[in-house]
Amino acid sequence: MRRIVASTMVILIVFGLFLSGCGSEAKTEVKQAPQTTLGQELLDLDTAHEKGVISDDEYEKLKKEIIKKYKD
């Protein structure tokens, strides 16, 4: 009887180890939803530009990057 129990335990452990490895090879890319909206980011950028925190060139560059980020 002990032999049957021991054999069953070994089989269950091996089977469990086999199943735990299933799916570990697959890589899934998860994109996190942006925390802000396009409009909010553009408003924040505009505010920074109006206050002189960023230059005209920086403003245009960042504006294009923000819009591109939301297109993807």
C-alpha atoms as a PDB file:
ATOM      1  CA  MET A   1       0.000   0.000   0.000  1.00  0.00           C
ATOM      2  CA  ARG A   2       2.825   2.408   0.846  1.00  0.00           C
ATOM      3  CA  ARG A   3       4.425   1.644  -2.457  1.00  0.00           C
ATOM      4  CA  ILE A   4       1.292   2.621  -4.352  1.00  0.00           C
ATOM      5  CA  VAL A   5       0.962   5.862  -2.398  1.00  0.00           C
ATOM      6  CA  ALA A   6       4.649   6.683  -2.932  1.00  0.00           C
ATOM      7  CA  SER A   7       4.422   5.888  -6.655  1.00  0.00           C
ATOM      8  CA  THR A   8       1.303   7.997  -7.004  1.00  0.00           C
ATOM      9  CA  MET A   9       2.991  10.911  -5.238  1.00  0.00           C
ATOM     10  CA  VAL A  10       6.054  10.678  -7.488  1.00  0.00           C
ATOM     11  CA  ILE A  11       3.850  10.595 -10.602  1.00  0.00           C
ATOM     12  CA  LEU A  12       1.838  13.594  -9.396  1.00  0.00           C
ATOM     13  CA  ILE A  13       4.985  15.573  -8.587  1.00  0.00           C
ATOM     14  CA  VAL A  14       6.561  14.818 -11.969  1.00  0.00           C
ATOM     15  CA  PHE A  15       3.302  15.637 -13.753  1.00  0.00           C
ATOM     16  CA  GLY A  16       3.005  18.893 -11.775  1.00  0.00           C
ATOM     17  CA  LEU A  17       6.562  19.888 -12.676  1.00  0.00           C
ATOM     18  CA  PHE A  18       5.845  19.124 -16.317  1.00  0.00           C
ATOM     19  CA  LEU A  19       2.723  21.301 -16.312  1.00  0.00           C
ATOM     20  CA  SER A  20       4.415  24.165 -14.514  1.00  0.00           C
ATOM     21  CA  GLY A  21       6.803  24.496 -17.443  1.00  0.00           C
ATOM     22  CA  CYS A  22       4.006  24.749 -19.987  1.00  0.00           C
ATOM     23  CA  GLY A  23       3.682  28.147 -21.549  1.00  0.00           C
ATOM     24  CA  SER A  24       6.827  29.597 -20.032  1.00  0.00           C
ATOM     25  CA  GLU A  25       8.419  29.865 -23.466  1.00  0.00           C
ATOM     26  CA  ALA A  26       5.717  32.101 -24.916  1.00  0.00           C
ATOM     27  CA  LYS A  27       6.319  35.802 -24.529  1.00  0.00           C
ATOM     28  CA  THR A  28       3.357  38.106 -24.586  1.00  0.00           C
ATOM     29  CA  GLU A  29       3.827  41.806 -25.057  1.00  0.00           C
ATOM     30  CA  VAL A  30       1.451  43.856 -22.992  1.00  0.00           C
ATOM     31  CA  LYS A  31       1.004  47.523 -23.741  1.00  0.00           C
ATOM     32  CA  GLN A  32       0.011  49.574 -20.765  1.00  0.00           C
ATOM     33  CA  ALA A  33      -2.743  52.071 -21.387  1.00  0.00           C
ATOM     34  CA  PRO A  34      -1.544  55.648 -21.114  1.00  0.00           C
ATOM     35  CA  GLN A  35      -2.343  57.324 -17.833  1.00  0.00           C
ATOM     36  CA  THR A  36      -3.164  60.611 -19.556  1.00  0.00           C
ATOM     37  CA  THR A  37      -5.022  61.527 -22.711  1.00  0.00           C
ATOM     38  CA  LEU A  38      -3.579  63.083 -25.835  1.00  0.00           C
ATOM     39  CA  GLY A  39      -5.399  66.313 -25.065  1.00  0.00           C
ATOM     40  CA  GLN A  40      -4.061  66.457 -21.515  1.00  0.00           C
ATOM     41  CA  GLU A  41      -0.485  65.881 -22.626  1.00  0.00           C
ATOM     42  CA  LEU A  42      -0.788  68.601 -25.272  1.00  0.00           C
ATOM     43  CA  LEU A  43      -2.281  71.008 -22.724  1.00  0.00           C
ATOM     44  CA  ASP A  44       0.565  70.278 -20.295  1.00  0.00           C
ATOM     45  CA  LEU A  45       3.098  70.811 -23.077  1.00  0.00           C
ATOM     46  CA  ASP A  46       1.436  74.088 -24.074  1.00  0.00           C
ATOM     47  CA  THR A  47       1.502  75.285 -20.467  1.00  0.00           C
ATOM     48  CA  ALA A  48       5.215  74.491 -20.181  1.00  0.00           C
ATOM     49  CA  HIS A  49       5.854  76.359 -23.430  1.00  0.00           C
ATOM     50  CA  GLU A  50       3.839  79.410 -22.352  1.00  0.00           C
ATOM     51  CA  LYS A  51       5.731  79.573 -19.038  1.00  0.00           C
ATOM     52  CA  GLY A  52       9.057  79.463 -20.879  1.00  0.00           C
ATOM     53  CA  VAL A  53      10.081  76.105 -19.459  1.00  0.00           C
ATOM     54  CA  ILE A  54      10.750  74.762 -22.964  1.00  0.00           C
ATOM     55  CA  SER A  55      11.852  76.532 -26.147  1.00  0.00           C
ATOM     56  CA  ASP A  56       9.909  76.792 -29.406  1.00  0.00           C
ATOM     57  CA  ASP A  57      12.035  74.037 -30.971  1.00  0.00           C
ATOM     58  CA  GLU A  58      11.547  71.739 -27.981  1.00  0.00           C
ATOM     59  CA  TYR A  59       7.825  72.442 -28.044  1.00  0.00           C
ATOM     60  CA  GLU A  60       7.469  71.448 -31.711  1.00  0.00           C
ATOM     61  CA  LYS A  61       9.621  68.348 -31.281  1.00  0.00           C
ATOM     62  CA  LEU A  62       7.765  67.141 -28.177  1.00  0.00           C
ATOM     63  CA  LYS A  63       4.386  67.904 -29.735  1.00  0.00           C
ATOM     64  CA  LYS A  64       5.210  65.658 -32.707  1.00  0.00           C
ATOM     65  CA  GLU A  65       6.439  62.891 -30.363  1.00  0.00           C
ATOM     66  CA  ILE A  66       3.275  63.038 -28.263  1.00  0.00           C
ATOM     67  CA  ILE A  67       0.998  62.877 -31.292  1.00  0.00           C
ATOM     68  CA  LYS A  68       3.028  59.986 -32.749  1.00  0.00           C
ATOM     69  CA  LYS A  69       2.795  58.101 -29.441  1.00  0.00           C
ATOM     70  CA  TYR A  70      -0.998  58.182 -29.566  1.00  0.00           C
ATOM     71  CA  LYS A  71      -1.165  57.165 -33.232  1.00  0.00           C
ATOM     72  CA  ASP A  72       0.612  53.873 -32.464  1.00  0.00           C
END
